[in-house]
Amino acid sequence: MPASIRDVAQRAGVSVGTVSNVLNRPEEVSLDSVDRVNRAIEELGYVRNDAARKLRGGVSSTVGFVVLDGQNPFYTDVVRGAEDEGTRHNIAILYGNTDEDHAREKVYLDLFEEQQVRGVLIAPYGDITARLQRLRARGIAAVLVDRFSGDGRFSSVSVDSVMGGRMAVEHLIETGRRRIAFVGGPFDIRQVNDRLAGARVAAENAARPVEIEVIATEAMTVEEGAAAGARILARPRRDWPDALFAANDLLALGLLQSLIVDGRMLVPQEIAIIGFDDIPFAAAAAVPLSSMRQPSRMIGRTALRILLEEAADPESIARQTVFQPELIVRRSTGG
């Protein structure tokens, strides 16, 4: 068993209170007692439980971060941004990936509540307002990440996905595309709905008629994108769309992969593809991928900064921080 503070006190021949003072307020203890306690600590290999000490004092040095898809480099960069900000405040990030699963999301939130983290950052799957209110009642702050808080009960840091969807499809329309398929899902994810809504606004505002078809996927992965591409290629050529707007870059890369391997449809000559997030792999694809860029690291940094401010002042007013996406044009849409 590791040495305890009582073991140190016994070895040094002092009280537990004296050991505690040496560890926390050495200026209040005689030099002789400090020497004896430090010698006992070294001999026993005692390691103080700093996390437990901070919890007893009501302040944790950890923050929980729950993301939708740990395989998506976008979320990896968001977490890195939070870690960068956390380093400035001596905060460690505990990370959990729900993989778009309600049960896994609950497991991580329960765990972070038990650990009494200082706060929780979360890219949620569906509506979890009631669950976050429970955390708040326990004194644990929460901030939504990559999701706008519609009712304003919680602070959020997000990108305007409706605008991003609109900009993506406006770009496709400007390149002469008229039969556009939106590829994405599941629609429990708010961002998917918002990007589709933006795509439809762009189609409605177009000078000439534009079709928006929806091709639903079960997840936002490369595999689901490739499967969607196979379904498109299985149709008669006359029913193929002339452009694809994928709800994220992983789907777009899967679509691109399936089309290139098949070889019957040239990108971008016959079909254009645009994604969302602008992950590092987008520029390195066989046909460099156009995408809607999100400031991923800035999202993470901003979210953690707001979370720490709210943890320090629970009465602060919730804030909605919305970044604007940026259109990055590459060869997959003719750039």
Foldseek 3Di string as FASTA:
>chain_A
DQDDLCQLCVQLVHDSVLLVCLVPPVVVDDPSSNVSSVVSCVVRVHDDPVQVVCVVVVAGQEEEEEEAAPVDVLQVLLQVLLVVLSVVVSHYYDYHYCVLPPVSVVVRLVVCLVSSHLEYEYQDQADDVVVQVVSVVSLHAYEYEQDFDPVQPAAYEHAQLLCQLLVVLLLLVVLPFAEEEEEEDDVSRPSSVSSVNSVVVNQVPDPDHHDYHYDYFHHQALVRLLVSLVVLVVDPPVPHGLEYEYAAVRSQLSNVVNCVVVVPADANVRYAYEGEAPRVCQCVHPFRHKYWHDPSSVSNNVRSVVSVVCSVPVPDGHHYHYHYIDTDDGRRSDD
